Amino acid sequence: MKNIIVAIDGSEHASRAVDKAREIGQAFDSKIILVYVAEGLHFYDIETGAMVKLSLEKIETQRQHGETLLQRTKDSLREFGDRVETVLLEGNPPDQLIHYIEKNDADLVIVGSHGVKGFKKYMLGSVVSKIVHHVDRSILIVR
């Protein structure tokens, strides 16, 4: 198990996914790739069923949050040294994650079962479900 992709979003479930990646990564001397997806200009609000347009300021705030979260998570995995990589994507979370996973060599994908509240509250239903149904890789869902 050389490469493990971990989707993070700042939620407790994503934190547990990172913990599981640490455990597996240590056992197999793996590289861990942390991936955060900042929403693009539009996103679908599952509660209202409406497309929502984000302001450029909100998009920049999300990018900054993603960069901070990626760095903090990378720092928490310091025992892996240069075997930790961070990736900041922008757009629709399930689509961006699926595309990234398909284009990169990963032996395992680890995701938390629920995402953060707010604009990412639909992470379980939408993101995890789409990844499970569209990615031809081993996937570990952490609760």
C-alpha atoms as a PDB file:
ATOM      1  CA  MET A   1       0.000   0.000   0.000  1.00  0.00           C
ATOM      2  CA  LYS A   2       2.205   2.793  -1.321  1.00  0.00           C
ATOM      3  CA  ASN A   3      -0.226   5.707  -1.680  1.00  0.00           C
ATOM      4  CA  ILE A   4      -3.204   6.638   0.487  1.00  0.00           C
ATOM      5  CA  ILE A   5      -5.514   9.521  -0.470  1.00  0.00           C
ATOM      6  CA  VAL A   6      -7.410  11.112   2.432  1.00  0.00           C
ATOM      7  CA  ALA A   7     -10.229  13.581   1.803  1.00  0.00           C
ATOM      8  CA  ILE A   8     -10.376  16.193   4.561  1.00  0.00           C
ATOM      9  CA  ASP A   9     -12.852  18.954   5.330  1.00  0.00           C
ATOM     10  CA  GLY A  10     -12.261  19.915   8.959  1.00  0.00           C
ATOM     11  CA  SER A  11     -14.938  17.616  10.393  1.00  0.00           C
ATOM     12  CA  GLU A  12     -14.457  15.165  13.247  1.00  0.00           C
ATOM     13  CA  HIS A  13     -15.052  12.276  10.836  1.00  0.00           C
ATOM     14  CA  ALA A  14     -12.325  13.578   8.533  1.00  0.00           C
ATOM     15  CA  SER A  15     -10.008  13.814  11.530  1.00  0.00           C
ATOM     16  CA  ARG A  16     -10.715  10.159  12.265  1.00  0.00           C
ATOM     17  CA  ALA A  17      -9.971   9.369   8.622  1.00  0.00           C
ATOM     18  CA  VAL A  18      -6.556  11.019   9.056  1.00  0.00           C
ATOM     19  CA  ASP A  19      -5.975   8.947  12.212  1.00  0.00           C
ATOM     20  CA  LYS A  20      -6.790   5.771  10.267  1.00  0.00           C
ATOM     21  CA  ALA A  21      -4.465   6.864   7.451  1.00  0.00           C
ATOM     22  CA  ARG A  22      -1.712   7.361  10.036  1.00  0.00           C
ATOM     23  CA  GLU A  23      -2.267   3.854  11.395  1.00  0.00           C
ATOM     24  CA  ILE A  24      -2.306   2.189   7.978  1.00  0.00           C
ATOM     25  CA  GLY A  25       0.468   4.404   6.628  1.00  0.00           C
ATOM     26  CA  GLN A  26       2.792   3.462   9.472  1.00  0.00           C
ATOM     27  CA  ALA A  27       2.080  -0.231   8.993  1.00  0.00           C
ATOM     28  CA  PHE A  28       2.824  -0.103   5.253  1.00  0.00           C
ATOM     29  CA  ASP A  29       5.337   2.780   5.099  1.00  0.00           C
ATOM     30  CA  SER A  30       2.870   4.607   2.829  1.00  0.00           C
ATOM     31  CA  LYS A  31       2.749   8.071   1.329  1.00  0.00           C
ATOM     32  CA  ILE A  32      -0.320  10.034   2.492  1.00  0.00           C
ATOM     33  CA  ILE A  33      -1.972  12.504   0.140  1.00  0.00           C
ATOM     34  CA  LEU A  34      -4.321  14.946   1.887  1.00  0.00           C
ATOM     35  CA  VAL A  35      -6.974  16.440  -0.393  1.00  0.00           C
ATOM     36  CA  TYR A  36      -9.266  19.378   0.362  1.00  0.00           C
ATOM     37  CA  VAL A  37     -11.860  20.699  -2.084  1.00  0.00           C
ATOM     38  CA  ALA A  38     -12.914  24.352  -1.844  1.00  0.00           C
ATOM     39  CA  GLU A  39     -16.339  24.945  -3.358  1.00  0.00           C
ATOM     40  CA  GLY A  40     -16.349  26.590  -6.761  1.00  0.00           C
ATOM     41  CA  LEU A  41     -18.462  29.549  -7.781  1.00  0.00           C
ATOM     42  CA  HIS A  42     -21.705  27.545  -7.632  1.00  0.00           C
ATOM     43  CA  PHE A  43     -22.787  24.674  -5.460  1.00  0.00           C
ATOM     44  CA  TYR A  44     -25.963  22.700  -4.906  1.00  0.00           C
ATOM     45  CA  ASP A  45     -27.702  23.191  -1.545  1.00  0.00           C
ATOM     46  CA  ILE A  46     -29.248  19.817  -0.760  1.00  0.00           C
ATOM     47  CA  GLU A  47     -31.705  21.265   1.788  1.00  0.00           C
ATOM     48  CA  THR A  48     -33.276  23.824  -0.525  1.00  0.00           C
ATOM     49  CA  GLY A  49     -32.584  22.105  -3.837  1.00  0.00           C
ATOM     50  CA  ALA A  50     -31.229  25.350  -5.224  1.00  0.00           C
ATOM     51  CA  MET A  51     -28.015  26.300  -6.927  1.00  0.00           C
ATOM     52  CA  VAL A  52     -26.202  28.872  -4.814  1.00  0.00           C
ATOM     53  CA  LYS A  53     -23.665  31.325  -6.157  1.00  0.00           C
ATOM     54  CA  LEU A  54     -20.816  32.122  -3.809  1.00  0.00           C
ATOM     55  CA  SER A  55     -19.147  35.495  -3.648  1.00  0.00           C
ATOM     56  CA  LEU A  56     -15.495  35.782  -4.605  1.00  0.00           C
ATOM     57  CA  GLU A  57     -14.763  36.753  -0.995  1.00  0.00           C
ATOM     58  CA  LYS A  58     -16.372  33.527   0.281  1.00  0.00           C
ATOM     59  CA  ILE A  59     -14.437  31.462  -2.270  1.00  0.00           C
ATOM     60  CA  GLU A  60     -11.168  33.054  -1.139  1.00  0.00           C
ATOM     61  CA  THR A  61     -12.099  32.395   2.490  1.00  0.00           C
ATOM     62  CA  GLN A  62     -12.663  28.733   1.627  1.00  0.00           C
ATOM     63  CA  ARG A  63      -9.304  28.520  -0.143  1.00  0.00           C
ATOM     64  CA  GLN A  64      -7.551  30.034   2.851  1.00  0.00           C
ATOM     65  CA  HIS A  65      -9.379  27.664   5.187  1.00  0.00           C
ATOM     66  CA  GLY A  66      -8.344  24.749   2.983  1.00  0.00           C
ATOM     67  CA  GLU A  67      -4.692  25.808   2.924  1.00  0.00           C
ATOM     68  CA  THR A  68      -4.667  26.225   6.707  1.00  0.00           C
ATOM     69  CA  LEU A  69      -6.396  22.890   7.278  1.00  0.00           C
ATOM     70  CA  LEU A  70      -4.060  21.079   4.889  1.00  0.00           C
ATOM     71  CA  GLN A  71      -0.965  22.530   6.558  1.00  0.00           C
ATOM     72  CA  ARG A  72      -2.214  21.819  10.073  1.00  0.00           C
ATOM     73  CA  THR A  73      -3.075  18.237   9.122  1.00  0.00           C
ATOM     74  CA  LYS A  74       0.275  17.770   7.397  1.00  0.00           C
ATOM     75  CA  ASP A  75       2.008  19.067  10.528  1.00  0.00           C
ATOM     76  CA  SER A  76       0.099  16.504  12.596  1.00  0.00           C
ATOM     77  CA  LEU A  77       1.628  13.776  10.414  1.00  0.00           C
ATOM     78  CA  ARG A  78       5.212  14.971  10.879  1.00  0.00           C
ATOM     79  CA  GLU A  79       6.414  11.424  11.567  1.00  0.00           C
ATOM     80  CA  PHE A  80       5.848  10.744   7.842  1.00  0.00           C
ATOM     81  CA  GLY A  81       8.258  13.503   6.842  1.00  0.00           C
ATOM     82  CA  ASP A  82       8.274  14.034   3.089  1.00  0.00           C
ATOM     83  CA  ARG A  83       5.777  11.187   2.610  1.00  0.00           C
ATOM     84  CA  VAL A  84       2.879  13.620   3.127  1.00  0.00           C
ATOM     85  CA  GLU A  85       1.552  15.644   0.213  1.00  0.00           C
ATOM     86  CA  THR A  86      -1.239  18.236   0.240  1.00  0.00           C
ATOM     87  CA  VAL A  87      -3.607  19.010  -2.614  1.00  0.00           C
ATOM     88  CA  LEU A  88      -6.066  21.911  -2.746  1.00  0.00           C
ATOM     89  CA  LEU A  89      -8.744  21.541  -5.409  1.00  0.00           C
ATOM     90  CA  GLU A  90     -11.589  23.871  -6.331  1.00  0.00           C
ATOM     91  CA  GLY A  91     -15.030  23.053  -7.621  1.00  0.00           C
ATOM     92  CA  ASN A  92     -17.712  20.498  -6.912  1.00  0.00           C
ATOM     93  CA  PRO A  93     -16.339  18.250  -4.126  1.00  0.00           C
ATOM     94  CA  PRO A  94     -17.480  14.838  -5.403  1.00  0.00           C
ATOM     95  CA  ASP A  95     -16.516  15.575  -8.998  1.00  0.00           C
ATOM     96  CA  GLN A  96     -13.130  17.011  -8.081  1.00  0.00           C
ATOM     97  CA  LEU A  97     -12.297  14.156  -5.713  1.00  0.00           C
ATOM     98  CA  ILE A  98     -13.358  11.500  -8.223  1.00  0.00           C
ATOM     99  CA  HIS A  99     -11.308  13.136 -10.965  1.00  0.00           C
ATOM    100  CA  TYR A 100      -8.254  13.441  -8.708  1.00  0.00           C
ATOM    101  CA  ILE A 101      -8.527   9.842  -7.478  1.00  0.00           C
ATOM    102  CA  GLU A 102      -8.911   8.496 -11.021  1.00  0.00           C
ATOM    103  CA  LYS A 103      -5.892  10.444 -12.295  1.00  0.00           C
ATOM    104  CA  ASN A 104      -3.567   9.525  -9.443  1.00  0.00           C
ATOM    105  CA  ASP A 105      -2.104   6.259  -8.296  1.00  0.00           C
ATOM    106  CA  ALA A 106      -3.718   5.397  -4.971  1.00  0.00           C
ATOM    107  CA  ASP A 107      -3.955   2.017  -3.339  1.00  0.00           C
ATOM    108  CA  LEU A 108      -6.520   3.230  -0.821  1.00  0.00           C
ATOM    109  CA  VAL A 109      -8.901   6.175  -0.446  1.00  0.00           C
ATOM    110  CA  ILE A 110      -9.999   7.098   3.079  1.00  0.00           C
ATOM    111  CA  VAL A 111     -12.975   9.386   3.722  1.00  0.00           C
ATOM    112  CA  GLY A 112     -14.968  10.384   6.783  1.00  0.00           C
ATOM    113  CA  SER A 113     -18.601   9.343   6.817  1.00  0.00           C
ATOM    114  CA  HIS A 114     -19.933  12.871   7.483  1.00  0.00           C
ATOM    115  CA  GLY A 115     -18.643  16.285   6.513  1.00  0.00           C
ATOM    116  CA  VAL A 116     -18.752  19.655   8.217  1.00  0.00           C
ATOM    117  CA  LYS A 117     -21.931  21.675   8.642  1.00  0.00           C
ATOM    118  CA  GLY A 118     -22.870  24.518   6.374  1.00  0.00           C
ATOM    119  CA  PHE A 119     -22.108  24.353   2.674  1.00  0.00           C
ATOM    120  CA  LYS A 120     -20.399  20.962   3.081  1.00  0.00           C
ATOM    121  CA  LYS A 121     -23.069  19.306   5.201  1.00  0.00           C
ATOM    122  CA  TYR A 122     -24.026  16.995   2.362  1.00  0.00           C
ATOM    123  CA  MET A 123     -20.602  15.306   2.316  1.00  0.00           C
ATOM    124  CA  LEU A 124     -21.814  11.829   3.336  1.00  0.00           C
ATOM    125  CA  GLY A 125     -24.706  11.463   0.975  1.00  0.00           C
ATOM    126  CA  SER A 126     -23.218  13.164  -1.999  1.00  0.00           C
ATOM    127  CA  VAL A 127     -19.450  12.888  -1.831  1.00  0.00           C
ATOM    128  CA  VAL A 128     -18.949   9.490  -0.230  1.00  0.00           C
ATOM    129  CA  SER A 129     -21.775   7.908  -2.183  1.00  0.00           C
ATOM    130  CA  LYS A 130     -20.466   9.226  -5.496  1.00  0.00           C
ATOM    131  CA  ILE A 131     -16.915   8.165  -4.719  1.00  0.00           C
ATOM    132  CA  VAL A 132     -18.043   4.652  -3.794  1.00  0.00           C
ATOM    133  CA  HIS A 133     -20.043   4.328  -7.008  1.00  0.00           C
ATOM    134  CA  HIS A 134     -17.592   5.953  -9.426  1.00  0.00           C
ATOM    135  CA  VAL A 135     -14.084   5.108  -8.264  1.00  0.00           C
ATOM    136  CA  ASP A 136     -12.368   1.812  -8.998  1.00  0.00           C
ATOM    137  CA  ARG A 137     -10.139   1.828  -5.899  1.00  0.00           C
ATOM    138  CA  SER A 138     -10.363   0.420  -2.401  1.00  0.00           C
ATOM    139  CA  ILE A 139     -12.270   2.886  -0.210  1.00  0.00           C
ATOM    140  CA  LEU A 140     -12.358   3.006   3.581  1.00  0.00           C
ATOM    141  CA  ILE A 141     -15.192   5.002   5.137  1.00  0.00           C
ATOM    142  CA  VAL A 142     -14.420   6.054   8.701  1.00  0.00           C
ATOM    143  CA  ARG A 143     -17.149   6.881  11.235  1.00  0.00           C
END
